[in-house]
């Protein structure tokens, strides 16, 4: 006689052995505290795991601590298992916690899109509503064979990464998911590149020294006092303005920044 529980037993066993889908269990922003702490404590070198958790004020054996290490390693920012003696920050991790410029943003997009589930998600919903959770969950459950709990977990992480790193914008009055290419185009308009940023920061000091030296020379008596006074009566002033705008800034916020500059620097309405 056939055991009526046999098929159910196989089904339960199949569900229990079903592998978890490969996506990070924490958003990239939430993970950044780990590589930042490792770098701060070790200045780029490996650090004892217990020192890291002591600095973060967490138990090294808690579930959240383990999840944080696994997610950070999965993004490629750190190395060392949750039970390893030492934890290290990778070269990629140093870039991601570094200066906000276009090179860093490109690396962040590389990190996000190396995950096949996230990449497929953005490809599928580019141009679609960011807030239609029912549609997004249905896709994860049917196309990627996720149960409801796993689909919600994946959607939460995906939406945080999308919103934190400029993959959504306001279009026709609704928040819309945008492609990697459009996000990168938007970022290039507001983020400095690495070379321009470093060279710009080096400008003010020599310019100030040059102006001071010129004023000292102009203050010396000349053979033609009237002509000299007339020539140097109104010294010129050169000002460089450097603006750092977050990749998370909306288009309206960026427009307001430049409108304010035009009003106060150029006296235009």
Protein backbone atom coordinates (compact mmCIF):
# COMPACT_ATOMS: atom_id res chain seq x y z
CA UNK A 1 0.00 0.00 0.00
CA UNK A 2 1.32 3.40 -0.91
CA UNK A 3 2.25 5.68 1.96
CA UNK A 4 0.13 8.87 1.54
CA UNK A 5 2.79 10.91 3.28
CA UNK A 6 5.57 9.91 0.89
CA UNK A 7 4.98 12.63 -1.68
CA UNK A 8 4.57 15.25 1.03
CA UNK A 9 7.82 14.15 2.60
CA UNK A 10 9.63 14.52 -0.69
CA UNK A 11 8.05 17.91 -1.24
CA UNK A 12 9.06 19.15 2.22
CA UNK A 13 12.57 17.82 1.76
CA UNK A 14 12.78 19.56 -1.61
CA UNK A 15 11.67 22.86 -0.07
CA UNK A 16 14.10 22.55 2.82
CA UNK A 17 17.07 21.84 0.53
CA UNK A 18 16.16 24.60 -1.89
CA UNK A 19 19.25 26.85 -2.18
CA UNK A 20 18.99 30.50 -1.18
CA UNK A 21 19.10 32.98 -4.03
CA UNK A 22 22.35 34.84 -4.49
CA UNK A 23 21.74 38.42 -3.44
CA UNK A 24 23.20 40.48 -0.57
CA UNK A 25 21.07 40.47 2.58
CA UNK A 26 21.98 44.09 3.38
CA UNK A 27 22.12 47.20 1.20
CA UNK A 28 25.51 48.60 0.24
CA UNK A 29 25.00 51.73 2.34
CA UNK A 30 24.34 49.66 5.48
CA UNK A 31 27.45 47.57 4.82
CA UNK A 32 29.85 50.52 4.50
CA UNK A 33 30.35 50.87 8.25
CA UNK A 34 32.40 47.66 8.27
CA UNK A 35 35.10 48.59 5.72
CA UNK A 36 35.21 52.13 7.15
CA UNK A 37 35.90 50.77 10.65
CA UNK A 38 38.52 48.30 9.43
CA UNK A 39 40.32 51.08 7.56
CA UNK A 40 40.11 53.46 10.50
CA UNK A 41 41.57 50.91 12.93
CA UNK A 42 44.22 49.43 10.63
CA UNK A 43 44.92 52.31 8.22
CA UNK A 44 44.65 49.84 5.36
CA UNK A 45 46.10 46.78 7.13
CA UNK A 46 44.25 43.78 8.55
CA UNK A 47 42.60 44.18 11.96
CA UNK A 48 41.59 41.65 14.58
CA UNK A 49 37.92 40.81 14.24
CA UNK A 50 37.20 41.35 17.95
CA UNK A 51 38.60 44.90 17.78
CA UNK A 52 36.28 45.70 14.88
CA UNK A 53 33.17 44.55 16.73
CA UNK A 54 34.27 46.30 19.89
CA UNK A 55 34.59 49.55 17.90
CA UNK A 56 31.14 49.02 16.38
CA UNK A 57 29.65 48.13 19.75
CA UNK A 58 28.32 44.76 18.60
CA UNK A 59 28.64 41.15 19.60
CA UNK A 60 30.98 39.27 17.23
CA UNK A 61 28.71 36.21 17.36
CA UNK A 62 25.39 37.92 16.68
CA UNK A 63 23.38 37.12 13.59
CA UNK A 64 23.59 40.72 12.37
CA UNK A 65 27.40 40.72 12.69
CA UNK A 66 27.62 37.56 10.61
CA UNK A 67 25.22 38.96 8.02
CA UNK A 68 27.27 42.17 7.83
CA UNK A 69 30.52 40.32 7.14
CA UNK A 70 28.93 38.01 4.55
CA UNK A 71 27.28 40.93 2.74
CA UNK A 72 30.44 43.06 2.81
CA UNK A 73 32.50 40.18 1.43
CA UNK A 74 29.82 39.58 -1.19
CA UNK A 75 30.08 43.19 -2.39
CA UNK A 76 33.86 42.73 -2.56
CA UNK A 77 34.66 45.38 0.06
CA UNK A 78 36.27 43.18 2.73
CA UNK A 79 37.80 39.76 3.21
CA UNK A 80 37.77 37.39 6.17
CA UNK A 81 35.02 35.04 7.34
CA UNK A 82 32.72 35.86 10.24
CA UNK A 83 34.82 33.57 12.49
CA UNK A 84 38.24 34.60 11.13
CA UNK A 85 40.83 36.10 13.45
CA UNK A 86 41.59 38.98 11.07
CA UNK A 87 39.42 41.13 8.81
CA UNK A 88 40.78 43.17 5.88
CA UNK A 89 39.57 45.89 3.56
CA UNK A 90 40.08 45.28 -0.16
CA UNK A 91 41.38 47.78 -2.70
CA UNK A 92 37.83 48.06 -4.01
CA UNK A 93 36.64 48.77 -0.48
CA UNK A 94 39.15 51.63 -0.14
CA UNK A 95 37.78 53.23 -3.31
CA UNK A 96 34.16 52.92 -2.21
CA UNK A 97 34.74 54.55 1.20
CA UNK A 98 36.92 57.25 -0.37
CA UNK A 99 36.26 60.61 -2.03
CA UNK A 100 32.93 61.02 -3.78
CA UNK A 101 33.76 61.37 -7.47
CA UNK A 102 32.75 59.79 -10.76
CA UNK A 103 35.36 57.01 -10.50
CA UNK A 104 33.92 55.93 -7.16
CA UNK A 105 30.38 56.01 -8.55
CA UNK A 106 31.37 53.85 -11.53
CA UNK A 107 32.89 51.29 -9.16
CA UNK A 108 29.70 51.25 -7.09
CA UNK A 109 27.63 50.54 -10.20
CA UNK A 110 30.06 47.74 -11.11
CA UNK A 111 29.54 46.24 -7.65
CA UNK A 112 25.75 46.42 -7.83
CA UNK A 113 25.42 45.10 -11.36
CA UNK A 114 27.80 42.18 -10.87
CA UNK A 115 24.89 40.56 -9.04
CA UNK A 116 22.88 38.79 -11.73
CA UNK A 117 19.55 39.12 -9.92
CA UNK A 118 19.94 42.87 -9.45
CA UNK A 119 21.13 43.37 -13.02
CA UNK A 120 18.15 41.41 -14.40
CA UNK A 121 15.81 43.36 -12.11
CA UNK A 122 17.00 46.75 -13.41
CA UNK A 123 16.91 45.56 -17.02
CA UNK A 124 13.34 44.33 -16.57
CA UNK A 125 11.98 47.42 -14.81
CA UNK A 126 13.95 50.30 -16.30
CA UNK A 127 11.34 52.96 -17.09
CA UNK A 128 8.77 51.37 -14.77
CA UNK A 129 7.34 52.61 -11.46
CA UNK A 130 9.60 52.35 -8.43
CA UNK A 131 6.62 52.14 -6.06
CA UNK A 132 4.67 49.26 -7.62
CA UNK A 133 5.75 46.68 -5.04
CA UNK A 134 3.12 44.14 -6.08
CA UNK A 135 4.46 44.02 -9.62
CA UNK A 136 8.08 43.85 -8.44
CA UNK A 137 7.40 41.07 -5.92
CA UNK A 138 5.43 39.02 -8.45
CA UNK A 139 8.40 39.17 -10.83
CA UNK A 140 10.84 37.93 -8.17
CA UNK A 141 8.52 35.12 -7.10
CA UNK A 142 7.59 33.86 -10.56
CA UNK A 143 10.71 34.53 -12.63
CA UNK A 144 13.30 33.72 -9.96
CA UNK A 145 11.29 31.12 -8.02
CA UNK A 146 11.48 32.92 -4.69
CA UNK A 147 9.05 32.37 -1.85
CA UNK A 148 7.24 35.42 -0.48
CA UNK A 149 9.65 36.03 2.41
CA UNK A 150 12.77 35.82 0.25
CA UNK A 151 11.22 38.00 -2.44
CA UNK A 152 10.41 40.73 0.11
CA UNK A 153 13.93 40.56 1.51
CA UNK A 154 15.44 40.89 -1.97
CA UNK A 155 13.10 43.75 -2.91
CA UNK A 156 13.97 45.71 0.25
CA UNK A 157 17.70 45.46 -0.51
CA UNK A 158 17.26 46.21 -4.21
CA UNK A 159 15.11 49.29 -3.55
CA UNK A 160 17.58 50.67 -1.00
CA UNK A 161 20.45 50.27 -3.47
CA UNK A 162 18.39 51.77 -6.29
CA UNK A 163 17.45 54.82 -4.22
CA UNK A 164 20.83 55.30 -2.51
CA UNK A 165 22.82 55.25 -5.74
CA UNK A 166 20.82 57.24 -8.26
CA UNK A 167 18.98 54.51 -10.14
CA UNK A 168 15.62 56.22 -9.70
CA UNK A 169 14.39 59.66 -10.69
CA UNK A 170 11.19 61.66 -10.83
CA UNK A 171 9.65 61.42 -14.31
CA UNK A 172 6.18 62.73 -15.17
CA UNK A 173 5.33 63.01 -11.49
CA UNK A 174 6.30 59.49 -10.46
CA UNK A 175 9.44 57.81 -9.15
CA UNK A 176 10.84 55.75 -12.02
CA UNK A 177 13.61 53.15 -12.12
CA UNK A 178 16.31 54.15 -14.61
CA UNK A 179 19.04 52.21 -16.39
CA UNK A 180 22.70 52.13 -15.42
CA UNK A 181 23.58 54.21 -18.49
CA UNK A 182 21.14 57.00 -17.62
CA UNK A 183 22.24 57.00 -13.98
CA UNK A 184 25.86 57.36 -15.08
CA UNK A 185 24.99 60.23 -17.43
CA UNK A 186 23.21 62.01 -14.59
CA UNK A 187 26.15 61.48 -12.24
CA UNK A 188 28.67 62.88 -14.73
CA UNK A 189 26.77 66.17 -14.68
CA UNK A 190 27.19 66.67 -10.94
CA UNK A 191 30.16 64.62 -9.73
CA UNK A 192 33.77 65.74 -10.22
CA UNK A 193 36.23 63.42 -11.88
CA UNK A 194 39.25 62.48 -9.82
CA UNK A 195 41.80 64.63 -11.68
CA UNK A 196 39.65 67.76 -11.73
CA UNK A 197 38.84 67.44 -8.04
CA UNK A 198 42.46 67.08 -6.92
CA UNK A 199 43.75 69.87 -9.15
CA UNK A 200 40.97 72.23 -8.12
CA UNK A 201 41.76 71.79 -4.45
CA UNK A 202 45.37 72.75 -5.11
CA UNK A 203 44.53 76.08 -6.79
CA UNK A 204 43.55 78.50 -4.01
CA UNK A 205 46.85 78.56 -2.07
CA UNK A 206 49.19 79.57 -4.94
CA UNK A 207 46.68 82.09 -6.27
CA UNK A 208 46.45 83.79 -2.87
CA UNK A 209 50.24 83.94 -2.59
CA UNK A 210 50.58 85.39 -6.08
CA UNK A 211 47.98 88.09 -5.38
CA UNK A 212 49.68 89.07 -2.11
CA UNK A 213 53.07 89.32 -3.82
CA UNK A 214 51.60 91.46 -6.59
CA UNK A 215 50.07 93.84 -4.04
CA UNK A 216 53.44 94.23 -2.31
CA UNK A 217 55.13 95.11 -5.61
CA UNK A 218 52.36 97.55 -6.50
CA UNK A 219 52.77 99.27 -3.12
CA UNK A 220 56.37 100.25 -3.92
CA UNK A 221 56.93 103.86 -5.12
CA UNK A 222 57.37 104.35 -8.88
CA UNK A 223 58.74 107.14 -11.09
CA UNK A 224 55.22 107.84 -12.35
CA UNK A 225 53.03 107.89 -9.23
CA UNK A 226 49.89 109.18 -10.97
CA UNK A 227 49.95 106.62 -13.75
CA UNK A 228 50.82 103.80 -11.34
CA UNK A 229 48.02 104.68 -8.93
CA UNK A 230 45.56 104.80 -11.78
CA UNK A 231 46.74 101.50 -13.21
CA UNK A 232 46.61 99.53 -9.97
CA UNK A 233 43.81 101.30 -8.21
CA UNK A 234 41.33 98.44 -8.69
CA UNK A 235 43.08 95.07 -8.28
CA UNK A 236 41.29 92.09 -9.82
CA UNK A 237 39.93 89.25 -7.66
CA UNK A 238 39.69 85.67 -8.87
CA UNK A 239 37.50 83.18 -7.00
CA UNK A 240 37.15 79.45 -7.69
CA UNK A 241 33.96 77.78 -6.48
CA UNK A 242 33.98 74.01 -6.08
CA UNK A 243 30.71 72.20 -5.52
CA UNK A 244 30.32 68.60 -4.34
CA UNK A 245 26.81 67.30 -4.96
CA UNK A 246 25.72 63.92 -3.65
CA UNK A 247 24.75 61.26 -6.19
CA UNK A 248 21.49 60.94 -4.25
CA UNK A 249 20.50 64.59 -4.95
CA UNK A 250 17.32 64.99 -7.00
CA UNK A 251 17.11 67.02 -10.20
CA UNK A 252 15.07 69.69 -8.40
CA UNK A 253 17.70 70.04 -5.67
CA UNK A 254 20.46 70.41 -8.27
CA UNK A 255 18.46 73.06 -10.15
CA UNK A 256 17.96 75.00 -6.90
CA UNK A 257 21.70 74.94 -6.17
CA UNK A 258 22.64 76.44 -9.53
CA UNK A 259 19.76 78.94 -9.43
CA UNK A 260 21.02 80.14 -6.07
CA UNK A 261 24.56 80.47 -7.49
CA UNK A 262 23.30 82.52 -10.41
CA UNK A 263 21.36 84.82 -8.08
CA UNK A 264 24.09 85.45 -5.51
CA UNK A 265 27.26 85.24 -7.62
CA UNK A 266 26.08 86.77 -10.90
CA UNK A 267 23.20 88.89 -9.58
CA UNK A 268 20.81 87.36 -12.07
CA UNK A 269 17.20 86.53 -11.32
